[in-house]
Amino acid sequence: MKKITILLFSIALLAISCEDNDKEIIITESQDLCDSLDILYTNDVAPILEDAGCSGVYCHGSGAGGVNLSDWQNTKLAAEDAKFLKAIKHELGASPMPKTGGKLSDSEIQVIECWIKSGSRE
């Protein structure tokens, strides 16, 4: 009985330690990727928001829902709220965006997320 308890404890400890390391590696790789990219609002983020219709006059370009994505300064301000990324990622705690059409692609979301992580440069 003692051997089984020790074996189960060892397996559980191994599983927990592996899980934590995997999360740390993913976070590190994500930050390394963002650090290696030169993402700017004008060149990278604005075209994504325009193509999805987010920054148009019939949506957040006119400040719909209290969120204004008409230019860099307003978009940067909106991106400071955690709900901004939650909405784009369709996560709980925010209304999924864009409302019309489908979710942005994973690569588009990653560009926006890296833009925010790297200081939301114009």
C-alpha atoms as a PDB file:
ATOM      1  CA  MET A   1       0.000   0.000   0.000  1.00  0.00           C
ATOM      2  CA  LYS A   2       2.841   2.385   0.827  1.00  0.00           C
ATOM      3  CA  LYS A   3       4.473   1.758  -2.577  1.00  0.00           C
ATOM      4  CA  ILE A   4       1.238   2.527  -4.421  1.00  0.00           C
ATOM      5  CA  THR A   5       0.812   5.775  -2.490  1.00  0.00           C
ATOM      6  CA  ILE A   6       4.376   6.829  -3.263  1.00  0.00           C
ATOM      7  CA  LEU A   7       3.928   5.893  -6.940  1.00  0.00           C
ATOM      8  CA  LEU A   8       0.679   7.875  -7.256  1.00  0.00           C
ATOM      9  CA  PHE A   9       2.220  10.859  -5.462  1.00  0.00           C
ATOM     10  CA  SER A  10       5.239  10.753  -7.802  1.00  0.00           C
ATOM     11  CA  ILE A  11       3.053  10.602 -10.911  1.00  0.00           C
ATOM     12  CA  ALA A  12       0.918  13.514  -9.684  1.00  0.00           C
ATOM     13  CA  LEU A  13       4.004  15.577  -8.875  1.00  0.00           C
ATOM     14  CA  LEU A  14       5.487  14.841 -12.303  1.00  0.00           C
ATOM     15  CA  ALA A  15       2.248  15.816 -14.047  1.00  0.00           C
ATOM     16  CA  ILE A  16       1.992  19.100 -12.126  1.00  0.00           C
ATOM     17  CA  SER A  17       5.614  20.051 -12.769  1.00  0.00           C
ATOM     18  CA  CYS A  18       5.340  19.290 -16.492  1.00  0.00           C
ATOM     19  CA  GLU A  19       2.172  21.338 -16.826  1.00  0.00           C
ATOM     20  CA  ASP A  20       3.738  24.424 -15.240  1.00  0.00           C
ATOM     21  CA  ASN A  21       6.816  24.185 -17.460  1.00  0.00           C
ATOM     22  CA  ASP A  22       4.693  23.929 -20.591  1.00  0.00           C
ATOM     23  CA  LYS A  23       2.767  27.083 -19.685  1.00  0.00           C
ATOM     24  CA  GLU A  24       5.981  28.959 -18.978  1.00  0.00           C
ATOM     25  CA  ILE A  25       7.438  27.900 -22.338  1.00  0.00           C
ATOM     26  CA  ILE A  26       4.305  28.990 -24.214  1.00  0.00           C
ATOM     27  CA  ILE A  27       4.291  32.399 -22.506  1.00  0.00           C
ATOM     28  CA  THR A  28       8.009  32.857 -23.170  1.00  0.00           C
ATOM     29  CA  GLU A  29       7.690  31.837 -26.825  1.00  0.00           C
ATOM     30  CA  SER A  30       4.723  34.187 -27.286  1.00  0.00           C
ATOM     31  CA  GLN A  31       6.617  37.119 -25.762  1.00  0.00           C
ATOM     32  CA  ASP A  32       9.736  36.280 -27.814  1.00  0.00           C
ATOM     33  CA  LEU A  33       7.624  36.291 -30.972  1.00  0.00           C
ATOM     34  CA  CYS A  34       6.072  39.645 -30.092  1.00  0.00           C
ATOM     35  CA  ASP A  35       9.484  41.100 -29.263  1.00  0.00           C
ATOM     36  CA  SER A  36      10.842  39.955 -32.633  1.00  0.00           C
ATOM     37  CA  LEU A  37       8.065  41.601 -34.646  1.00  0.00           C
ATOM     38  CA  ASP A  38       7.946  45.292 -35.527  1.00  0.00           C
ATOM     39  CA  ILE A  39       4.195  45.826 -35.341  1.00  0.00           C
ATOM     40  CA  LEU A  40       2.809  49.300 -35.855  1.00  0.00           C
ATOM     41  CA  TYR A  41      -0.748  50.570 -35.781  1.00  0.00           C
ATOM     42  CA  THR A  42      -0.602  52.226 -39.195  1.00  0.00           C
ATOM     43  CA  ASN A  43       1.032  49.330 -41.066  1.00  0.00           C
ATOM     44  CA  ASP A  44      -0.413  46.300 -39.286  1.00  0.00           C
ATOM     45  CA  VAL A  45      -3.336  46.918 -36.919  1.00  0.00           C
ATOM     46  CA  ALA A  46      -5.347  49.577 -38.784  1.00  0.00           C
ATOM     47  CA  PRO A  47      -5.697  47.430 -41.934  1.00  0.00           C
ATOM     48  CA  ILE A  48      -7.030  44.507 -39.867  1.00  0.00           C
ATOM     49  CA  LEU A  49      -9.585  46.718 -38.128  1.00  0.00           C
ATOM     50  CA  GLU A  50     -10.581  48.342 -41.440  1.00  0.00           C
ATOM     51  CA  ASP A  51     -10.969  45.011 -43.272  1.00  0.00           C
ATOM     52  CA  ALA A  52     -13.146  43.642 -40.467  1.00  0.00           C
ATOM     53  CA  GLY A  53     -15.283  46.784 -40.509  1.00  0.00           C
ATOM     54  CA  CYS A  54     -14.412  47.636 -36.906  1.00  0.00           C
ATOM     55  CA  SER A  55     -13.117  51.135 -37.555  1.00  0.00           C
ATOM     56  CA  GLY A  56     -15.730  52.138 -40.119  1.00  0.00           C
ATOM     57  CA  VAL A  57     -18.273  54.924 -39.618  1.00  0.00           C
ATOM     58  CA  TYR A  58     -21.058  52.405 -38.984  1.00  0.00           C
ATOM     59  CA  CYS A  59     -19.222  50.776 -36.101  1.00  0.00           C
ATOM     60  CA  HIS A  60     -16.436  51.808 -33.726  1.00  0.00           C
ATOM     61  CA  GLY A  61     -15.139  54.440 -36.119  1.00  0.00           C
ATOM     62  CA  SER A  62     -18.017  56.541 -34.834  1.00  0.00           C
ATOM     63  CA  GLY A  63     -17.629  55.400 -31.233  1.00  0.00           C
ATOM     64  CA  ALA A  64     -20.356  52.744 -31.171  1.00  0.00           C
ATOM     65  CA  GLY A  65     -20.739  51.147 -27.760  1.00  0.00           C
ATOM     66  CA  GLY A  66     -18.444  53.737 -26.226  1.00  0.00           C
ATOM     67  CA  VAL A  67     -15.417  52.316 -28.073  1.00  0.00           C
ATOM     68  CA  ASN A  68     -13.717  54.488 -30.673  1.00  0.00           C
ATOM     69  CA  LEU A  69     -11.326  52.806 -33.124  1.00  0.00           C
ATOM     70  CA  SER A  70     -11.148  55.657 -35.628  1.00  0.00           C
ATOM     71  CA  ASP A  71      -7.432  56.345 -35.196  1.00  0.00           C
ATOM     72  CA  TRP A  72      -4.274  55.276 -33.378  1.00  0.00           C
ATOM     73  CA  GLN A  73      -4.805  57.335 -30.238  1.00  0.00           C
ATOM     74  CA  ASN A  74      -8.381  56.125 -29.679  1.00  0.00           C
ATOM     75  CA  THR A  75      -7.537  52.517 -30.533  1.00  0.00           C
ATOM     76  CA  LYS A  76      -4.585  52.576 -28.139  1.00  0.00           C
ATOM     77  CA  LEU A  77      -6.873  53.880 -25.405  1.00  0.00           C
ATOM     78  CA  ALA A  78      -9.479  51.189 -26.135  1.00  0.00           C
ATOM     79  CA  ALA A  79      -6.781  48.462 -26.152  1.00  0.00           C
ATOM     80  CA  GLU A  80      -5.772  49.376 -22.599  1.00  0.00           C
ATOM     81  CA  ASP A  81      -9.025  47.798 -21.402  1.00  0.00           C
ATOM     82  CA  ALA A  82      -8.726  44.009 -20.972  1.00  0.00           C
ATOM     83  CA  LYS A  83     -12.165  43.642 -22.574  1.00  0.00           C
ATOM     84  CA  PHE A  84     -10.691  44.761 -25.897  1.00  0.00           C
ATOM     85  CA  LEU A  85      -8.694  41.552 -26.384  1.00  0.00           C
ATOM     86  CA  LYS A  86     -11.398  39.423 -24.767  1.00  0.00           C
ATOM     87  CA  ALA A  87     -13.891  40.726 -27.329  1.00  0.00           C
ATOM     88  CA  ILE A  88     -11.574  40.025 -30.237  1.00  0.00           C
ATOM     89  CA  LYS A  89     -10.720  36.546 -28.913  1.00  0.00           C
ATOM     90  CA  HIS A  90     -14.405  35.800 -28.185  1.00  0.00           C
ATOM     91  CA  GLU A  91     -13.646  35.117 -24.520  1.00  0.00           C
ATOM     92  CA  LEU A  92     -16.007  35.342 -21.575  1.00  0.00           C
ATOM     93  CA  GLY A  93     -16.416  38.753 -20.019  1.00  0.00           C
ATOM     94  CA  ALA A  94     -16.834  40.734 -23.238  1.00  0.00           C
ATOM     95  CA  SER A  95     -19.201  40.887 -26.174  1.00  0.00           C
ATOM     96  CA  PRO A  96     -17.620  38.961 -29.109  1.00  0.00           C
ATOM     97  CA  MET A  97     -16.351  41.209 -31.881  1.00  0.00           C
ATOM     98  CA  PRO A  98     -16.777  41.792 -34.697  1.00  0.00           C
ATOM     99  CA  LYS A  99     -20.556  41.502 -34.395  1.00  0.00           C
ATOM    100  CA  THR A 100     -21.049  40.887 -38.096  1.00  0.00           C
ATOM    101  CA  GLY A 101     -19.019  38.260 -39.859  1.00  0.00           C
ATOM    102  CA  GLY A 102     -16.751  35.759 -38.203  1.00  0.00           C
ATOM    103  CA  LYS A 103     -14.041  35.983 -35.635  1.00  0.00           C
ATOM    104  CA  LEU A 104     -10.725  37.463 -36.736  1.00  0.00           C
ATOM    105  CA  SER A 105      -8.147  34.877 -37.759  1.00  0.00           C
ATOM    106  CA  ASP A 106      -5.655  33.631 -35.175  1.00  0.00           C
ATOM    107  CA  SER A 107      -2.851  35.448 -36.982  1.00  0.00           C
ATOM    108  CA  GLU A 108      -4.797  38.735 -36.997  1.00  0.00           C
ATOM    109  CA  ILE A 109      -5.531  38.373 -33.287  1.00  0.00           C
ATOM    110  CA  GLN A 110      -1.862  37.627 -32.644  1.00  0.00           C
ATOM    111  CA  VAL A 111      -0.808  40.784 -34.504  1.00  0.00           C
ATOM    112  CA  ILE A 112      -3.167  42.908 -32.390  1.00  0.00           C
ATOM    113  CA  GLU A 113      -2.107  41.184 -29.178  1.00  0.00           C
ATOM    114  CA  CYS A 114       1.592  41.650 -29.981  1.00  0.00           C
ATOM    115  CA  TRP A 115       0.941  45.285 -30.866  1.00  0.00           C
ATOM    116  CA  ILE A 116      -0.530  45.807 -27.406  1.00  0.00           C
ATOM    117  CA  LYS A 117       2.277  43.862 -25.670  1.00  0.00           C
ATOM    118  CA  SER A 118       4.947  45.860 -27.477  1.00  0.00           C
ATOM    119  CA  GLY A 119       3.589  49.257 -26.463  1.00  0.00           C
ATOM    120  CA  SER A 120       0.839  49.997 -29.021  1.00  0.00           C
ATOM    121  CA  ARG A 121       3.118  52.025 -31.280  1.00  0.00           C
ATOM    122  CA  GLU A 122       1.768  54.183 -34.069  1.00  0.00           C
END
